[in-house]
N, C-alpha and C. Protein backbone atom coordinates (compact mmCIF):
# COMPACT_ATOMS: atom_id res chain seq x y z
N UNK A 1 43.06 -67.06 17.49
CA UNK A 1 42.36 -66.54 18.64
C UNK A 1 41.53 -65.32 18.27
N UNK A 2 40.67 -65.49 17.28
CA UNK A 2 39.83 -64.38 16.83
C UNK A 2 38.65 -64.17 17.77
N UNK A 3 38.07 -63.01 17.68
CA UNK A 3 36.90 -62.67 18.50
C UNK A 3 35.68 -63.38 17.93
N UNK A 4 34.84 -63.90 18.78
CA UNK A 4 33.68 -64.69 18.36
C UNK A 4 32.42 -64.05 18.95
N UNK A 5 31.47 -63.67 18.08
CA UNK A 5 30.25 -62.97 18.52
C UNK A 5 29.08 -63.92 18.72
N UNK A 6 29.29 -65.20 18.56
CA UNK A 6 28.19 -66.17 18.66
C UNK A 6 27.43 -66.12 19.97
N UNK A 7 28.08 -66.24 21.14
CA UNK A 7 27.34 -66.24 22.40
C UNK A 7 26.59 -64.93 22.64
N UNK A 8 27.16 -63.80 22.25
CA UNK A 8 26.48 -62.51 22.46
C UNK A 8 25.20 -62.44 21.65
N UNK A 9 25.25 -62.89 20.40
CA UNK A 9 24.04 -62.90 19.58
C UNK A 9 23.00 -63.83 20.19
N UNK A 10 23.44 -64.96 20.68
CA UNK A 10 22.52 -65.93 21.27
C UNK A 10 21.84 -65.34 22.50
N UNK A 11 22.61 -64.64 23.36
CA UNK A 11 22.04 -64.03 24.55
C UNK A 11 21.03 -62.97 24.17
N UNK A 12 21.34 -62.16 23.15
CA UNK A 12 20.43 -61.11 22.72
C UNK A 12 19.13 -61.73 22.21
N UNK A 13 19.24 -62.79 21.43
CA UNK A 13 18.06 -63.45 20.89
C UNK A 13 17.21 -64.04 22.03
N UNK A 14 17.86 -64.69 23.01
CA UNK A 14 17.13 -65.25 24.14
C UNK A 14 16.43 -64.16 24.94
N UNK A 15 17.09 -63.01 25.10
CA UNK A 15 16.51 -61.90 25.85
C UNK A 15 15.27 -61.37 25.12
N UNK A 16 15.38 -61.21 23.79
CA UNK A 16 14.25 -60.70 23.02
C UNK A 16 13.08 -61.67 23.06
N UNK A 17 13.34 -62.94 22.99
CA UNK A 17 12.27 -63.93 22.97
C UNK A 17 11.62 -64.10 24.34
N UNK A 18 12.37 -63.83 25.41
CA UNK A 18 11.82 -64.01 26.75
C UNK A 18 11.40 -62.68 27.37
N UNK A 19 11.09 -61.71 26.54
CA UNK A 19 10.67 -60.41 27.02
C UNK A 19 9.41 -60.57 27.87
N UNK A 20 9.44 -60.02 29.06
CA UNK A 20 8.32 -60.15 29.98
C UNK A 20 7.46 -58.89 29.84
N UNK A 21 6.21 -59.10 29.58
CA UNK A 21 5.27 -58.00 29.42
C UNK A 21 4.74 -57.57 30.78
N UNK A 22 4.51 -56.27 30.98
CA UNK A 22 3.90 -55.83 32.24
C UNK A 22 2.48 -56.38 32.40
N UNK A 23 1.87 -56.81 31.29
CA UNK A 23 0.51 -57.34 31.36
C UNK A 23 0.49 -58.85 31.54
N UNK A 24 1.66 -59.46 31.79
CA UNK A 24 1.70 -60.91 31.94
C UNK A 24 1.57 -61.35 33.40
N UNK A 25 1.24 -60.42 34.26
CA UNK A 25 1.05 -60.74 35.67
C UNK A 25 -0.13 -61.71 35.82
N UNK A 26 -0.05 -62.65 36.76
CA UNK A 26 -1.17 -63.58 36.97
C UNK A 26 -2.43 -62.88 37.49
N UNK A 27 -2.30 -61.61 37.90
CA UNK A 27 -3.46 -60.86 38.40
C UNK A 27 -4.17 -60.10 37.29
N UNK A 28 -3.58 -60.03 36.10
CA UNK A 28 -4.17 -59.34 34.96
C UNK A 28 -4.56 -60.37 33.92
N UNK A 29 -5.80 -60.78 33.93
CA UNK A 29 -6.27 -61.84 33.04
C UNK A 29 -7.07 -61.25 31.89
N UNK A 30 -6.81 -61.73 30.67
CA UNK A 30 -7.59 -61.31 29.51
C UNK A 30 -7.15 -60.00 28.89
N UNK A 31 -5.92 -59.57 29.13
CA UNK A 31 -5.43 -58.30 28.60
C UNK A 31 -4.59 -58.49 27.33
N UNK A 32 -4.72 -59.63 26.67
CA UNK A 32 -3.92 -59.92 25.47
C UNK A 32 -4.17 -58.89 24.37
N UNK A 33 -5.44 -58.54 24.15
CA UNK A 33 -5.78 -57.59 23.09
C UNK A 33 -5.19 -56.21 23.38
N UNK A 34 -5.19 -55.80 24.63
CA UNK A 34 -4.61 -54.51 25.01
C UNK A 34 -3.11 -54.52 24.73
N UNK A 35 -2.44 -55.62 25.04
CA UNK A 35 -1.01 -55.72 24.78
C UNK A 35 -0.72 -55.61 23.28
N UNK A 36 -1.54 -56.25 22.46
CA UNK A 36 -1.36 -56.16 21.01
C UNK A 36 -1.56 -54.72 20.52
N UNK A 37 -2.57 -54.03 21.07
CA UNK A 37 -2.81 -52.63 20.68
C UNK A 37 -1.64 -51.75 21.08
N UNK A 38 -1.09 -51.96 22.28
CA UNK A 38 0.05 -51.16 22.72
C UNK A 38 1.25 -51.37 21.81
N UNK A 39 1.49 -52.61 21.40
CA UNK A 39 2.59 -52.88 20.47
C UNK A 39 2.36 -52.16 19.15
N UNK A 40 1.12 -52.19 18.65
CA UNK A 40 0.80 -51.54 17.38
C UNK A 40 0.99 -50.03 17.46
N UNK A 41 0.52 -49.44 18.54
CA UNK A 41 0.66 -47.99 18.71
C UNK A 41 2.13 -47.60 18.87
N UNK A 42 2.89 -48.40 19.60
CA UNK A 42 4.31 -48.11 19.79
C UNK A 42 5.09 -48.13 18.49
N UNK A 43 4.72 -49.01 17.58
CA UNK A 43 5.40 -49.11 16.30
C UNK A 43 5.03 -47.96 15.37
N UNK A 44 3.86 -47.35 15.58
CA UNK A 44 3.39 -46.28 14.71
C UNK A 44 3.72 -44.90 15.29
N UNK A 45 4.71 -44.82 16.15
CA UNK A 45 5.04 -43.57 16.82
C UNK A 45 5.90 -42.66 15.94
N UNK A 46 5.29 -42.05 14.97
CA UNK A 46 5.96 -41.07 14.11
C UNK A 46 5.74 -39.70 14.76
N UNK A 47 6.64 -38.78 14.56
CA UNK A 47 6.53 -37.49 15.20
C UNK A 47 5.67 -36.49 14.45
N UNK A 48 5.08 -36.87 13.33
CA UNK A 48 4.33 -35.92 12.52
C UNK A 48 2.90 -36.37 12.37
N UNK A 49 1.95 -35.52 12.53
CA UNK A 49 2.06 -34.15 13.02
C UNK A 49 2.14 -34.13 14.54
N UNK A 50 2.72 -33.08 15.08
CA UNK A 50 2.77 -32.98 16.55
C UNK A 50 1.35 -32.80 17.10
N UNK A 51 1.15 -33.23 18.34
CA UNK A 51 -0.19 -33.15 18.93
C UNK A 51 -0.11 -32.92 20.43
N UNK A 52 -1.22 -32.45 20.98
CA UNK A 52 -1.41 -32.31 22.42
C UNK A 52 -2.64 -33.11 22.81
N UNK A 53 -2.65 -33.59 24.05
CA UNK A 53 -3.85 -34.19 24.63
C UNK A 53 -4.08 -33.47 25.95
N UNK A 54 -5.26 -32.92 26.10
CA UNK A 54 -5.55 -32.20 27.35
C UNK A 54 -6.87 -32.65 27.94
N UNK A 55 -6.96 -32.55 29.25
CA UNK A 55 -8.19 -32.86 29.98
C UNK A 55 -8.92 -31.54 30.20
N UNK A 56 -10.19 -31.52 29.84
CA UNK A 56 -11.01 -30.33 30.03
C UNK A 56 -12.07 -30.66 31.07
N UNK A 57 -12.04 -29.92 32.17
CA UNK A 57 -12.96 -30.19 33.27
C UNK A 57 -14.40 -29.97 32.85
N UNK A 58 -15.26 -30.75 33.42
CA UNK A 58 -16.69 -30.59 33.15
C UNK A 58 -17.27 -29.45 33.97
N UNK A 59 -18.40 -28.99 33.50
CA UNK A 59 -19.14 -27.97 34.25
C UNK A 59 -20.58 -28.47 34.39
N UNK A 60 -21.48 -27.63 34.77
CA UNK A 60 -22.87 -28.05 34.96
C UNK A 60 -23.53 -28.55 33.68
N UNK A 61 -23.09 -28.07 32.52
CA UNK A 61 -23.74 -28.41 31.26
C UNK A 61 -22.98 -29.47 30.46
N UNK A 62 -21.66 -29.54 30.61
CA UNK A 62 -20.84 -30.45 29.82
C UNK A 62 -20.05 -31.39 30.73
N UNK A 63 -19.93 -32.67 30.35
CA UNK A 63 -19.12 -33.60 31.15
C UNK A 63 -17.63 -33.37 30.90
N UNK A 64 -16.79 -33.93 31.77
CA UNK A 64 -15.35 -33.87 31.55
C UNK A 64 -15.04 -34.54 30.20
N UNK A 65 -14.05 -33.99 29.50
CA UNK A 65 -13.71 -34.56 28.20
C UNK A 65 -12.21 -34.44 27.96
N UNK A 66 -11.76 -35.17 26.96
CA UNK A 66 -10.38 -35.08 26.51
C UNK A 66 -10.38 -34.39 25.16
N UNK A 67 -9.36 -33.59 24.89
CA UNK A 67 -9.24 -32.93 23.60
C UNK A 67 -7.87 -33.26 23.02
N UNK A 68 -7.89 -33.83 21.81
CA UNK A 68 -6.67 -34.08 21.06
C UNK A 68 -6.56 -32.96 20.05
N UNK A 69 -5.43 -32.26 20.04
CA UNK A 69 -5.21 -31.17 19.10
C UNK A 69 -3.97 -31.49 18.29
N UNK A 70 -4.13 -31.54 16.96
CA UNK A 70 -3.03 -31.81 16.04
C UNK A 70 -2.69 -30.55 15.26
N UNK A 71 -1.39 -30.29 15.07
CA UNK A 71 -0.93 -29.16 14.28
C UNK A 71 -0.90 -29.59 12.82
N UNK A 72 -1.89 -29.14 12.05
CA UNK A 72 -2.04 -29.57 10.65
C UNK A 72 -2.03 -28.36 9.72
N UNK A 73 -1.12 -27.42 9.97
CA UNK A 73 -1.03 -26.23 9.13
C UNK A 73 -0.82 -26.63 7.67
N UNK A 74 -1.55 -25.97 6.78
CA UNK A 74 -1.43 -26.25 5.35
C UNK A 74 -2.45 -27.25 4.84
N UNK A 75 -3.15 -27.94 5.75
CA UNK A 75 -4.18 -28.88 5.33
C UNK A 75 -5.54 -28.19 5.36
N UNK A 76 -6.36 -28.46 4.35
CA UNK A 76 -7.73 -27.97 4.36
C UNK A 76 -8.63 -29.05 4.96
N UNK A 77 -9.86 -28.68 5.24
CA UNK A 77 -10.81 -29.64 5.80
C UNK A 77 -11.01 -30.83 4.86
N UNK A 78 -11.01 -30.57 3.56
CA UNK A 78 -11.19 -31.65 2.58
C UNK A 78 -10.01 -32.61 2.52
N UNK A 79 -8.84 -32.18 2.98
CA UNK A 79 -7.65 -33.04 2.96
C UNK A 79 -7.48 -33.85 4.24
N UNK A 80 -8.37 -33.65 5.20
CA UNK A 80 -8.31 -34.35 6.48
C UNK A 80 -9.47 -35.32 6.61
N UNK A 81 -9.22 -36.43 7.26
CA UNK A 81 -10.24 -37.46 7.45
C UNK A 81 -10.11 -37.99 8.87
N UNK A 82 -11.19 -37.93 9.63
CA UNK A 82 -11.22 -38.45 11.00
C UNK A 82 -12.24 -39.58 11.03
N UNK A 83 -11.78 -40.78 11.40
CA UNK A 83 -12.68 -41.94 11.45
C UNK A 83 -12.50 -42.68 12.76
N UNK A 84 -13.54 -43.40 13.13
CA UNK A 84 -13.50 -44.27 14.30
C UNK A 84 -13.60 -45.68 13.76
N UNK A 85 -12.51 -46.44 13.88
CA UNK A 85 -12.43 -47.80 13.35
C UNK A 85 -12.26 -48.75 14.53
N UNK A 86 -13.36 -49.42 14.87
CA UNK A 86 -13.43 -50.27 16.06
C UNK A 86 -13.08 -49.42 17.27
N UNK A 87 -11.99 -49.69 17.95
CA UNK A 87 -11.66 -48.90 19.15
C UNK A 87 -10.51 -47.92 18.87
N UNK A 88 -10.32 -47.57 17.60
CA UNK A 88 -9.21 -46.68 17.26
C UNK A 88 -9.72 -45.43 16.56
N UNK A 89 -9.25 -44.28 17.03
CA UNK A 89 -9.51 -43.01 16.37
C UNK A 89 -8.37 -42.82 15.37
N UNK A 90 -8.69 -42.71 14.09
CA UNK A 90 -7.67 -42.60 13.05
C UNK A 90 -7.84 -41.26 12.35
N UNK A 91 -6.76 -40.47 12.33
CA UNK A 91 -6.75 -39.18 11.66
C UNK A 91 -5.77 -39.27 10.50
N UNK A 92 -6.26 -38.98 9.29
CA UNK A 92 -5.42 -39.04 8.09
C UNK A 92 -5.41 -37.68 7.42
N UNK A 93 -4.26 -37.33 6.89
CA UNK A 93 -4.13 -36.11 6.10
C UNK A 93 -3.48 -36.44 4.77
N UNK A 94 -4.04 -35.90 3.69
CA UNK A 94 -3.51 -36.17 2.35
C UNK A 94 -3.37 -34.86 1.59
N UNK A 95 -2.16 -34.55 1.19
CA UNK A 95 -1.91 -33.39 0.34
C UNK A 95 -1.28 -33.89 -0.95
N UNK A 96 -1.58 -33.21 -2.03
CA UNK A 96 -1.01 -33.57 -3.32
C UNK A 96 -0.21 -32.40 -3.85
N UNK A 97 0.87 -32.71 -4.56
CA UNK A 97 1.69 -31.67 -5.17
C UNK A 97 0.89 -30.92 -6.23
N UNK A 98 1.01 -29.61 -6.21
CA UNK A 98 0.38 -28.78 -7.25
C UNK A 98 1.40 -28.63 -8.37
N UNK A 99 1.20 -29.35 -9.45
CA UNK A 99 2.16 -29.36 -10.57
C UNK A 99 2.21 -28.03 -11.31
N UNK A 100 1.20 -27.17 -11.11
CA UNK A 100 1.19 -25.89 -11.83
C UNK A 100 2.12 -24.85 -11.20
N UNK A 101 2.59 -25.12 -9.97
CA UNK A 101 3.47 -24.16 -9.30
C UNK A 101 4.93 -24.42 -9.64
N UNK A 102 5.69 -23.34 -9.75
CA UNK A 102 7.12 -23.45 -10.04
C UNK A 102 7.87 -22.84 -8.85
N UNK A 103 8.51 -23.70 -8.06
CA UNK A 103 9.18 -23.27 -6.84
C UNK A 103 10.63 -22.91 -7.11
N UNK A 104 11.10 -21.79 -6.52
CA UNK A 104 12.52 -21.46 -6.52
C UNK A 104 13.18 -22.11 -5.32
N UNK A 105 12.45 -22.25 -4.24
CA UNK A 105 12.89 -22.99 -3.05
C UNK A 105 11.65 -23.67 -2.49
N UNK A 106 11.82 -24.91 -2.09
CA UNK A 106 10.68 -25.64 -1.53
C UNK A 106 11.08 -26.22 -0.18
N UNK A 107 10.61 -25.59 0.88
CA UNK A 107 10.89 -26.06 2.22
C UNK A 107 9.67 -26.69 2.88
N UNK A 108 8.50 -26.49 2.26
CA UNK A 108 7.26 -27.06 2.79
C UNK A 108 6.79 -28.12 1.80
N UNK A 109 6.95 -29.36 2.20
CA UNK A 109 6.59 -30.46 1.31
C UNK A 109 5.12 -30.83 1.48
N UNK A 110 4.52 -31.30 0.41
CA UNK A 110 3.17 -31.88 0.50
C UNK A 110 3.34 -33.23 1.19
N UNK A 111 2.62 -33.44 2.26
CA UNK A 111 2.80 -34.65 3.06
C UNK A 111 1.51 -35.40 3.23
N UNK A 112 1.68 -36.64 3.62
CA UNK A 112 0.55 -37.45 4.04
C UNK A 112 0.88 -37.96 5.44
N UNK A 113 -0.14 -38.16 6.23
CA UNK A 113 0.11 -38.72 7.56
C UNK A 113 -1.09 -39.55 7.99
N UNK A 114 -0.83 -40.39 8.96
CA UNK A 114 -1.88 -41.12 9.65
C UNK A 114 -1.48 -41.19 11.11
N UNK A 115 -2.35 -40.74 11.98
CA UNK A 115 -2.11 -40.76 13.43
C UNK A 115 -3.25 -41.56 14.05
N UNK A 116 -2.91 -42.54 14.89
CA UNK A 116 -3.90 -43.42 15.49
C UNK A 116 -3.87 -43.32 17.01
N UNK A 117 -5.04 -43.25 17.61
CA UNK A 117 -5.19 -43.24 19.05
C UNK A 117 -6.14 -44.38 19.43
N UNK A 118 -5.73 -45.22 20.36
CA UNK A 118 -6.57 -46.32 20.82
C UNK A 118 -7.45 -45.79 21.95
N UNK A 119 -8.75 -45.99 21.82
CA UNK A 119 -9.70 -45.48 22.80
C UNK A 119 -10.22 -46.60 23.69
N UNK A 120 -10.48 -46.26 24.93
CA UNK A 120 -11.07 -47.21 25.85
C UNK A 120 -12.52 -47.48 25.41
N UNK A 121 -12.99 -48.68 25.69
CA UNK A 121 -14.35 -49.05 25.28
C UNK A 121 -15.36 -48.08 25.87
N UNK A 122 -16.28 -47.63 25.03
CA UNK A 122 -17.33 -46.72 25.48
C UNK A 122 -17.00 -45.26 25.30
N UNK A 123 -15.75 -44.92 24.99
CA UNK A 123 -15.40 -43.51 24.79
C UNK A 123 -16.04 -43.02 23.50
N UNK A 124 -16.61 -41.83 23.53
CA UNK A 124 -17.33 -41.29 22.39
C UNK A 124 -16.61 -40.08 21.83
N UNK A 125 -16.65 -39.94 20.51
CA UNK A 125 -16.11 -38.76 19.85
C UNK A 125 -17.24 -37.74 19.79
N UNK A 126 -17.04 -36.60 20.46
CA UNK A 126 -18.08 -35.57 20.53
C UNK A 126 -18.06 -34.68 19.30
N UNK A 127 -16.91 -34.52 18.67
CA UNK A 127 -16.84 -33.67 17.48
C UNK A 127 -15.41 -33.29 17.16
N UNK A 128 -15.25 -32.67 16.00
CA UNK A 128 -13.93 -32.23 15.54
C UNK A 128 -14.08 -30.89 14.84
N UNK A 129 -13.08 -30.02 15.02
CA UNK A 129 -13.09 -28.77 14.26
C UNK A 129 -11.68 -28.33 13.92
N UNK A 130 -11.59 -27.57 12.84
CA UNK A 130 -10.31 -27.09 12.30
C UNK A 130 -10.32 -25.57 12.36
N UNK A 131 -9.32 -25.01 13.06
CA UNK A 131 -9.24 -23.56 13.20
C UNK A 131 -7.78 -23.16 13.32
N UNK A 132 -7.35 -22.22 12.48
CA UNK A 132 -5.99 -21.68 12.50
C UNK A 132 -4.92 -22.77 12.42
N UNK A 133 -5.14 -23.78 11.60
CA UNK A 133 -4.15 -24.84 11.40
C UNK A 133 -4.11 -25.88 12.50
N UNK A 134 -5.08 -25.84 13.42
CA UNK A 134 -5.15 -26.82 14.50
C UNK A 134 -6.44 -27.62 14.38
N UNK A 135 -6.31 -28.94 14.33
CA UNK A 135 -7.45 -29.83 14.30
C UNK A 135 -7.69 -30.31 15.72
N UNK A 136 -8.86 -30.01 16.27
CA UNK A 136 -9.21 -30.42 17.63
C UNK A 136 -10.32 -31.44 17.59
N UNK A 137 -10.14 -32.52 18.36
CA UNK A 137 -11.12 -33.60 18.43
C UNK A 137 -11.45 -33.79 19.91
N UNK A 138 -12.72 -33.67 20.24
CA UNK A 138 -13.16 -33.82 21.62
C UNK A 138 -13.71 -35.22 21.84
N UNK A 139 -13.30 -35.81 22.96
CA UNK A 139 -13.73 -37.15 23.35
C UNK A 139 -14.41 -37.06 24.70
N UNK A 140 -15.53 -37.73 24.83
CA UNK A 140 -16.23 -37.77 26.11
C UNK A 140 -15.84 -39.05 26.82
N UNK A 141 -15.37 -38.90 28.04
CA UNK A 141 -14.97 -40.07 28.83
C UNK A 141 -16.20 -40.76 29.39
N UNK A 142 -16.22 -42.07 29.29
CA UNK A 142 -17.35 -42.79 29.89
C UNK A 142 -17.24 -42.75 31.42
N UNK A 143 -18.37 -42.69 32.06
CA UNK A 143 -18.39 -42.74 33.52
C UNK A 143 -18.86 -44.14 33.91
N UNK A 144 -17.90 -45.04 34.16
CA UNK A 144 -18.30 -46.42 34.45
C UNK A 144 -19.06 -46.51 35.78
N UNK A 145 -20.05 -47.37 35.74
CA UNK A 145 -20.79 -47.61 36.97
C UNK A 145 -20.00 -48.59 37.82
N UNK A 146 -20.01 -48.36 39.09
CA UNK A 146 -19.33 -49.28 39.99
C UNK A 146 -20.30 -50.42 40.30
N UNK A 147 -19.91 -51.60 39.88
CA UNK A 147 -20.78 -52.76 40.04
C UNK A 147 -20.13 -53.72 41.03
N UNK A 148 -20.86 -54.06 42.06
CA UNK A 148 -20.42 -55.06 43.03
C UNK A 148 -21.43 -56.19 42.95
N UNK A 149 -20.92 -57.37 42.65
CA UNK A 149 -21.80 -58.52 42.50
C UNK A 149 -21.30 -59.63 43.40
N UNK A 150 -22.22 -60.22 44.14
CA UNK A 150 -21.85 -61.30 45.03
C UNK A 150 -21.89 -62.62 44.24
N UNK A 151 -20.88 -63.44 44.43
CA UNK A 151 -20.76 -64.72 43.76
C UNK A 151 -21.08 -65.82 44.78
N UNK A 152 -22.06 -66.65 44.43
CA UNK A 152 -22.45 -67.74 45.33
C UNK A 152 -21.35 -68.80 45.37
N UNK A 153 -21.09 -69.33 46.54
CA UNK A 153 -20.07 -70.37 46.70
C UNK A 153 -20.79 -71.68 46.94
N UNK A 154 -20.56 -72.63 46.07
CA UNK A 154 -21.18 -73.94 46.23
C UNK A 154 -20.33 -74.79 47.17
N UNK A 155 -21.00 -75.60 47.92
CA UNK A 155 -20.29 -76.49 48.83
C UNK A 155 -20.59 -77.93 48.47
N UNK A 156 -19.53 -78.69 48.30
CA UNK A 156 -19.68 -80.09 47.96
C UNK A 156 -19.17 -80.92 49.14
N UNK A 157 -19.90 -81.96 49.45
CA UNK A 157 -19.47 -82.81 50.56
C UNK A 157 -18.99 -84.13 50.06
């Protein structure tokens, strides 16, 4: 009369395979690519480097924008790379060990990182700057036009 884990494993497998996505609603059509991007971003959720995202209100001269700020202390501008790859903003940092230094204690490691943000279509990168160990990237939000289009209904007899 030993304990048998077979049914529990089977239930877990069935649950994982029948996972219902919030984007699988019959009212949300064509969101497959967004679901794939969300899965990719969720898997890449490393805590380094820490970051903030803030909304900056527009004024008479500048539109509303988003600012992503990453804490990249110890990185120089040459060790950082900001690219726009399709609809993804990718920030990479590369540091190399300085073999000429002799450490008695080493608490700050040379690190590499990659942080990815998926952008909505039409969002533009306005610029990036590095100041006091903080890398700030400004994004301009698109102002979508509200389009109402009438669809003709054909009648067949």
